[in-house]
Protein backbone atom coordinates (compact mmCIF):
# COMPACT_ATOMS: atom_id res chain seq x y z
CA UNK A 1 163.64 64.10 80.04
CA UNK A 2 166.75 62.37 81.36
CA UNK A 3 168.76 65.72 81.22
CA UNK A 4 166.04 67.36 83.23
CA UNK A 5 166.19 64.47 85.69
CA UNK A 6 169.84 64.78 86.09
CA UNK A 7 169.69 68.56 86.48
CA UNK A 8 167.18 68.31 89.20
CA UNK A 9 169.23 65.63 90.90
CA UNK A 10 172.28 67.91 90.90
CA UNK A 11 170.16 70.75 92.24
CA UNK A 12 168.92 68.42 95.03
CA UNK A 13 172.55 67.45 95.93
CA UNK A 14 173.58 71.08 96.08
CA UNK A 15 170.62 71.90 98.20
CA UNK A 16 171.51 69.12 100.61
CA UNK A 17 175.02 70.10 100.89
CA UNK A 18 173.99 73.74 101.51
CA UNK A 19 171.42 72.60 104.13
CA UNK A 20 174.36 70.81 106.02
CA UNK A 21 176.88 73.65 105.61
CA UNK A 22 174.72 76.70 106.07
CA UNK A 23 175.73 79.11 108.85
CA UNK A 24 172.24 80.16 109.78
CA UNK A 25 169.65 77.47 110.86
CA UNK A 26 166.79 79.37 108.91
CA UNK A 27 168.97 79.07 105.68
CA UNK A 28 169.30 75.39 106.32
CA UNK A 29 165.43 74.97 106.78
CA UNK A 30 164.93 76.86 103.49
CA UNK A 31 167.26 74.63 101.71
CA UNK A 32 165.59 71.56 103.06
CA UNK A 33 162.34 72.90 101.81
CA UNK A 34 163.83 73.49 98.31
CA UNK A 35 165.15 69.87 98.49
CA UNK A 36 161.47 68.66 99.14
CA UNK A 37 160.09 70.74 96.40
CA UNK A 38 162.75 69.40 93.92
CA UNK A 39 161.68 65.87 94.93
CA UNK A 40 158.07 66.76 94.27
CA UNK A 41 159.13 67.72 90.77
CA UNK A 42 160.91 64.44 90.27
CA UNK A 43 157.89 62.49 91.48
CA UNK A 44 155.75 64.23 88.94
CA UNK A 45 158.18 63.36 86.22
CA UNK A 46 158.13 59.75 87.32
CA UNK A 47 154.32 59.90 87.10
CA UNK A 48 153.64 59.36 90.74
CA UNK A 49 151.27 62.30 91.59
CA UNK A 50 149.99 60.92 94.75
CA UNK A 51 153.45 60.67 96.21
CA UNK A 52 154.17 64.20 94.94
CA UNK A 53 151.17 65.56 96.65
CA UNK A 54 152.07 63.84 100.00
CA UNK A 55 155.72 65.09 99.72
CA UNK A 56 154.55 68.66 98.84
CA UNK A 57 152.20 68.82 101.73
CA UNK A 58 154.31 66.97 104.46
CA UNK A 59 157.89 67.39 103.32
CA UNK A 60 157.80 70.97 101.99
CA UNK A 61 154.95 72.37 103.83
CA UNK A 62 154.22 70.92 107.12
CA UNK A 63 157.86 69.98 108.14
CA UNK A 64 159.19 73.38 107.11
CA UNK A 65 156.48 75.15 109.09
CA UNK A 66 157.00 72.95 112.24
CA UNK A 67 160.79 73.57 112.03
CA UNK A 68 160.43 77.39 111.63
CA UNK A 69 157.91 77.44 114.47
CA UNK A 70 160.30 75.44 116.64
CA UNK A 71 163.17 77.80 115.81
CA UNK A 72 161.09 80.77 116.70
CA UNK A 73 159.90 79.23 119.84
CA UNK A 74 163.41 78.54 121.07
CA UNK A 75 164.73 81.88 119.76
CA UNK A 76 167.58 80.24 117.86
CA UNK A 77 168.17 83.02 115.40
CA UNK A 78 168.52 85.84 117.91
CA UNK A 79 172.20 85.09 118.80
């Protein structure tokens, strides 16, 4: 279980770096969503299902939807 935790942690770090360094904003949003989903996986491993459900709904779902809708509203990807 420790190896899986370390692997997911490394993936989270890579996702965070990609979110910062991505050229397109939409790619950055997708990387942030992946980061949230990976944290959900870690919460499940740590036996905190209530926190995992909250992170999945708010962090991965709602936040990503709001960011994509805001990007669409301002027309940020058309340039």
